[in-house]
């Protein structure tokens, strides 16, 4: 079975910046998108919403 891709929307709770990325689920159930942190420096407290492509 091929890995499913997801459209991942990440929104920063501190500044409200929104990122729309594509990613896949890893073995831990998290989404791998390559996203590290928001432009404001926040790397915690992010809203993550994913939908299958």
PDB file of N, CA and C in Angstrom:
ATOM      1  N   UNK A   1       0.849  -1.187   0.000  1.00  0.00           N
ATOM      2  CA  UNK A   1       0.000   0.000   0.000  1.00  0.00           C
ATOM      3  C   UNK A   1       0.889   1.243   0.000  1.00  0.00           C
ATOM      4  N   UNK A   2       0.600   2.174  -0.856  1.00  0.00           N
ATOM      5  CA  UNK A   2       1.353   3.422  -0.937  1.00  0.00           C
ATOM      6  C   UNK A   2       1.003   4.320   0.252  1.00  0.00           C
ATOM      7  N   UNK A   3       1.965   5.104   0.667  1.00  0.00           N
ATOM      8  CA  UNK A   3       1.715   6.027   1.769  1.00  0.00           C
ATOM      9  C   UNK A   3       0.750   7.116   1.315  1.00  0.00           C
ATOM     10  N   UNK A   4      -0.181   7.445   2.194  1.00  0.00           N
ATOM     11  CA  UNK A   4      -1.139   8.498   1.888  1.00  0.00           C
ATOM     12  C   UNK A   4      -0.536   9.857   2.202  1.00  0.00           C
ATOM     13  N   UNK A   5      -0.803  10.814   1.336  1.00  0.00           N
ATOM     14  CA  UNK A   5      -0.358  12.181   1.577  1.00  0.00           C
ATOM     15  C   UNK A   5      -1.490  12.968   2.209  1.00  0.00           C
ATOM     16  N   UNK A   6      -1.118  13.938   3.018  1.00  0.00           N
ATOM     17  CA  UNK A   6      -2.091  14.763   3.719  1.00  0.00           C
ATOM     18  C   UNK A   6      -1.820  16.235   3.444  1.00  0.00           C
ATOM     19  N   UNK A   7      -2.889  17.005   3.420  1.00  0.00           N
ATOM     20  CA  UNK A   7      -2.778  18.462   3.379  1.00  0.00           C
ATOM     21  C   UNK A   7      -2.816  18.898   4.836  1.00  0.00           C
ATOM     22  N   UNK A   8      -1.726  19.493   5.311  1.00  0.00           N
ATOM     23  CA  UNK A   8      -1.583  19.842   6.721  1.00  0.00           C
ATOM     24  C   UNK A   8      -1.616  21.359   6.852  1.00  0.00           C
ATOM     25  N   UNK A   9      -2.537  21.844   7.675  1.00  0.00           N
ATOM     26  CA  UNK A   9      -2.637  23.273   7.954  1.00  0.00           C
ATOM     27  C   UNK A   9      -2.146  23.483   9.381  1.00  0.00           C
ATOM     28  N   UNK A  10      -1.109  24.315   9.521  1.00  0.00           N
ATOM     29  CA  UNK A  10      -0.532  24.621  10.824  1.00  0.00           C
ATOM     30  C   UNK A  10      -0.774  26.097  11.102  1.00  0.00           C
ATOM     31  N   UNK A  11      -1.366  26.384  12.257  1.00  0.00           N
ATOM     32  CA  UNK A  11      -1.618  27.777  12.643  1.00  0.00           C
ATOM     33  C   UNK A  11      -0.955  28.029  13.992  1.00  0.00           C
ATOM     34  N   UNK A  12      -0.199  29.115  14.063  1.00  0.00           N
ATOM     35  CA  UNK A  12       0.493  29.508  15.289  1.00  0.00           C
ATOM     36  C   UNK A  12      -0.498  30.173  16.236  1.00  0.00           C
ATOM     37  N   UNK A  13      -0.512  29.717  17.496  1.00  0.00           N
ATOM     38  CA  UNK A  13      -1.418  30.305  18.489  1.00  0.00           C
ATOM     39  C   UNK A  13      -0.923  31.658  18.976  1.00  0.00           C
ATOM     40  N   UNK A  14       0.370  31.940  18.813  1.00  0.00           N
ATOM     41  CA  UNK A  14       0.917  33.202  19.307  1.00  0.00           C
ATOM     42  C   UNK A  14       0.692  34.361  18.343  1.00  0.00           C
ATOM     43  N   UNK A  15       1.019  34.167  17.057  1.00  0.00           N
ATOM     44  CA  UNK A  15       0.930  35.294  16.118  1.00  0.00           C
ATOM     45  C   UNK A  15      -0.163  35.123  15.064  1.00  0.00           C
ATOM     46  N   UNK A  16      -0.736  33.915  14.946  1.00  0.00           N
ATOM     47  CA  UNK A  16      -1.812  33.684  13.993  1.00  0.00           C
ATOM     48  C   UNK A  16      -1.359  33.326  12.588  1.00  0.00           C
ATOM     49  N   UNK A  17      -0.048  33.212  12.373  1.00  0.00           N
ATOM     50  CA  UNK A  17       0.474  32.842  11.050  1.00  0.00           C
ATOM     51  C   UNK A  17      -0.054  31.460  10.656  1.00  0.00           C
ATOM     52  N   UNK A  18      -0.334  31.290   9.362  1.00  0.00           N
ATOM     53  CA  UNK A  18      -0.915  30.038   8.865  1.00  0.00           C
ATOM     54  C   UNK A  18      -0.009  29.450   7.793  1.00  0.00           C
ATOM     55  N   UNK A  19       0.247  28.156   7.887  1.00  0.00           N
ATOM     56  CA  UNK A  19       1.078  27.440   6.925  1.00  0.00           C
ATOM     57  C   UNK A  19       0.272  26.283   6.356  1.00  0.00           C
ATOM     58  N   UNK A  20       0.319  26.118   5.041  1.00  0.00           N
ATOM     59  CA  UNK A  20      -0.351  25.000   4.383  1.00  0.00           C
ATOM     60  C   UNK A  20       0.740  24.162   3.728  1.00  0.00           C
ATOM     61  N   UNK A  21       0.867  22.914   4.184  1.00  0.00           N
ATOM     62  CA  UNK A  21       1.946  22.028   3.743  1.00  0.00           C
ATOM     63  C   UNK A  21       1.387  20.675   3.346  1.00  0.00           C
ATOM     64  N   UNK A  22       2.212  19.884   2.694  1.00  0.00           N
ATOM     65  CA  UNK A  22       1.867  18.497   2.402  1.00  0.00           C
ATOM     66  C   UNK A  22       2.777  17.611   3.226  1.00  0.00           C
ATOM     67  N   UNK A  23       2.235  16.505   3.708  1.00  0.00           N
ATOM     68  CA  UNK A  23       3.050  15.618   4.526  1.00  0.00           C
ATOM     69  C   UNK A  23       2.494  14.214   4.551  1.00  0.00           C
ATOM     70  N   UNK A  24       3.203  13.374   5.280  1.00  0.00           N
ATOM     71  CA  UNK A  24       2.820  11.972   5.468  1.00  0.00           C
ATOM     72  C   UNK A  24       2.845  11.659   6.950  1.00  0.00           C
ATOM     73  N   UNK A  25       2.128  10.636   7.348  1.00  0.00           N
ATOM     74  CA  UNK A  25       2.132  10.194   8.743  1.00  0.00           C
ATOM     75  C   UNK A  25       3.348   9.316   8.983  1.00  0.00           C
ATOM     76  N   UNK A  26       3.997   9.501  10.132  1.00  0.00           N
ATOM     77  CA  UNK A  26       5.110   8.630  10.482  1.00  0.00           C
ATOM     78  C   UNK A  26       4.614   7.504  11.383  1.00  0.00           C
ATOM     79  N   UNK A  27       5.528   6.682  11.858  1.00  0.00           N
ATOM     80  CA  UNK A  27       5.156   5.530  12.681  1.00  0.00           C
ATOM     81  C   UNK A  27       4.570   5.931  14.031  1.00  0.00           C
ATOM     82  N   UNK A  28       4.874   7.141  14.485  1.00  0.00           N
ATOM     83  CA  UNK A  28       4.358   7.629  15.765  1.00  0.00           C
ATOM     84  C   UNK A  28       2.983   8.269  15.630  1.00  0.00           C
ATOM     85  N   UNK A  29       2.442   8.349  14.404  1.00  0.00           N
ATOM     86  CA  UNK A  29       1.142   8.955  14.179  1.00  0.00           C
ATOM     87  C   UNK A  29       1.193  10.456  13.991  1.00  0.00           C
ATOM     88  N   UNK A  30       2.399  11.027  13.926  1.00  0.00           N
ATOM     89  CA  UNK A  30       2.554  12.458  13.707  1.00  0.00           C
ATOM     90  C   UNK A  30       2.703  12.715  12.214  1.00  0.00           C
ATOM     91  N   UNK A  31       2.497  13.974  11.826  1.00  0.00           N
ATOM     92  CA  UNK A  31       2.611  14.351  10.422  1.00  0.00           C
ATOM     93  C   UNK A  31       4.004  14.897  10.139  1.00  0.00           C
ATOM     94  N   UNK A  32       4.671  14.329   9.155  1.00  0.00           N
ATOM     95  CA  UNK A  32       5.998  14.776   8.741  1.00  0.00           C
ATOM     96  C   UNK A  32       5.845  15.737   7.573  1.00  0.00           C
ATOM     97  N   UNK A  33       6.155  17.013   7.818  1.00  0.00           N
ATOM     98  CA  UNK A  33       6.048  18.032   6.774  1.00  0.00           C
ATOM     99  C   UNK A  33       7.352  18.782   6.565  1.00  0.00           C
ATOM    100  N   UNK A  34       8.285  18.653   7.502  1.00  0.00           N
ATOM    101  CA  UNK A  34       9.508  19.430   7.454  1.00  0.00           C
ATOM    102  C   UNK A  34       9.389  20.744   8.193  1.00  0.00           C
ATOM    103  N   UNK A  35       8.204  21.044   8.751  1.00  0.00           N
ATOM    104  CA  UNK A  35       7.977  22.287   9.489  1.00  0.00           C
ATOM    105  C   UNK A  35       8.725  22.223  10.816  1.00  0.00           C
ATOM    106  N   UNK A  36       9.480  23.270  11.133  1.00  0.00           N
ATOM    107  CA  UNK A  36      10.238  23.315  12.389  1.00  0.00           C
ATOM    108  C   UNK A  36       9.651  24.309  13.382  1.00  0.00           C
ATOM    109  N   UNK A  37       9.454  25.573  12.941  1.00  0.00           N
ATOM    110  CA  UNK A  37       8.887  26.594  13.827  1.00  0.00           C
ATOM    111  C   UNK A  37       8.342  27.758  13.016  1.00  0.00           C
ATOM    112  N   UNK A  38       7.503  28.526  13.666  1.00  0.00           N
ATOM    113  CA  UNK A  38       6.871  29.694  13.047  1.00  0.00           C
ATOM    114  C   UNK A  38       7.899  30.806  12.870  1.00  0.00           C
ATOM    115  N   UNK A  39       7.601  31.769  12.009  1.00  0.00           N
ATOM    116  CA  UNK A  39       8.487  32.908  11.804  1.00  0.00           C
ATOM    117  C   UNK A  39       8.646  33.734  13.077  1.00  0.00           C
ATOM    118  N   UNK A  40       7.692  33.668  14.010  1.00  0.00           N
ATOM    119  CA  UNK A  40       7.802  34.408  15.269  1.00  0.00           C
ATOM    120  C   UNK A  40       8.684  33.672  16.273  1.00  0.00           C
ATOM    121  N   UNK A  41       9.165  32.475  15.931  1.00  0.00           N
ATOM    122  CA  UNK A  41      10.037  31.704  16.811  1.00  0.00           C
ATOM    123  C   UNK A  41       9.320  30.647  17.623  1.00  0.00           C
ATOM    124  N   UNK A  42       7.997  30.605  17.563  1.00  0.00           N
ATOM    125  CA  UNK A  42       7.215  29.630  18.314  1.00  0.00           C
ATOM    126  C   UNK A  42       7.367  28.242  17.693  1.00  0.00           C
ATOM    127  N   UNK A  43       7.718  27.253  18.522  1.00  0.00           N
ATOM    128  CA  UNK A  43       7.782  25.875  18.026  1.00  0.00           C
ATOM    129  C   UNK A  43       6.898  24.944  18.844  1.00  0.00           C
ATOM    130  N   UNK A  44       6.116  25.519  19.769  1.00  0.00           N
ATOM    131  CA  UNK A  44       5.150  24.758  20.553  1.00  0.00           C
ATOM    132  C   UNK A  44       3.803  25.483  20.486  1.00  0.00           C
ATOM    133  N   UNK A  45       2.757  24.811  20.869  1.00  0.00           N
ATOM    134  CA  UNK A  45       1.445  25.457  20.895  1.00  0.00           C
ATOM    135  C   UNK A  45       0.933  25.779  19.509  1.00  0.00           C
ATOM    136  N   UNK A  46       1.073  24.843  18.585  1.00  0.00           N
ATOM    137  CA  UNK A  46       0.610  25.032  17.218  1.00  0.00           C
ATOM    138  C   UNK A  46      -0.643  24.202  16.998  1.00  0.00           C
ATOM    139  N   UNK A  47      -1.608  24.769  16.290  1.00  0.00           N
ATOM    140  CA  UNK A  47      -2.792  24.005  15.898  1.00  0.00           C
ATOM    141  C   UNK A  47      -2.474  23.294  14.585  1.00  0.00           C
ATOM    142  N   UNK A  48      -2.648  21.977  14.562  1.00  0.00           N
ATOM    143  CA  UNK A  48      -2.362  21.193  13.370  1.00  0.00           C
ATOM    144  C   UNK A  48      -3.640  20.493  12.941  1.00  0.00           C
ATOM    145  N   UNK A  49      -4.029  20.701  11.674  1.00  0.00           N
ATOM    146  CA  UNK A  49      -5.214  20.067  11.130  1.00  0.00           C
ATOM    147  C   UNK A  49      -4.822  19.410   9.805  1.00  0.00           C
ATOM    148  N   UNK A  50      -5.136  18.137   9.645  1.00  0.00           N
ATOM    149  CA  UNK A  50      -4.736  17.422   8.441  1.00  0.00           C
ATOM    150  C   UNK A  50      -5.942  16.757   7.777  1.00  0.00           C
ATOM    151  N   UNK A  51      -5.957  16.787   6.450  1.00  0.00           N
ATOM    152  CA  UNK A  51      -6.979  16.114   5.674  1.00  0.00           C
ATOM    153  C   UNK A  51      -6.294  15.336   4.561  1.00  0.00           C
ATOM    154  N   UNK A  52      -6.789  14.144   4.233  1.00  0.00           N
ATOM    155  CA  UNK A  52      -6.183  13.347   3.155  1.00  0.00           C
ATOM    156  C   UNK A  52      -6.307  14.067   1.805  1.00  0.00           C
ATOM    157  N   UNK A  53      -5.313  13.874   0.956  1.00  0.00           N
ATOM    158  CA  UNK A  53      -5.359  14.452  -0.389  1.00  0.00           C
ATOM    159  C   UNK A  53      -5.996  13.482  -1.339  1.00  0.00           C
TER     160      UNK A  53
END
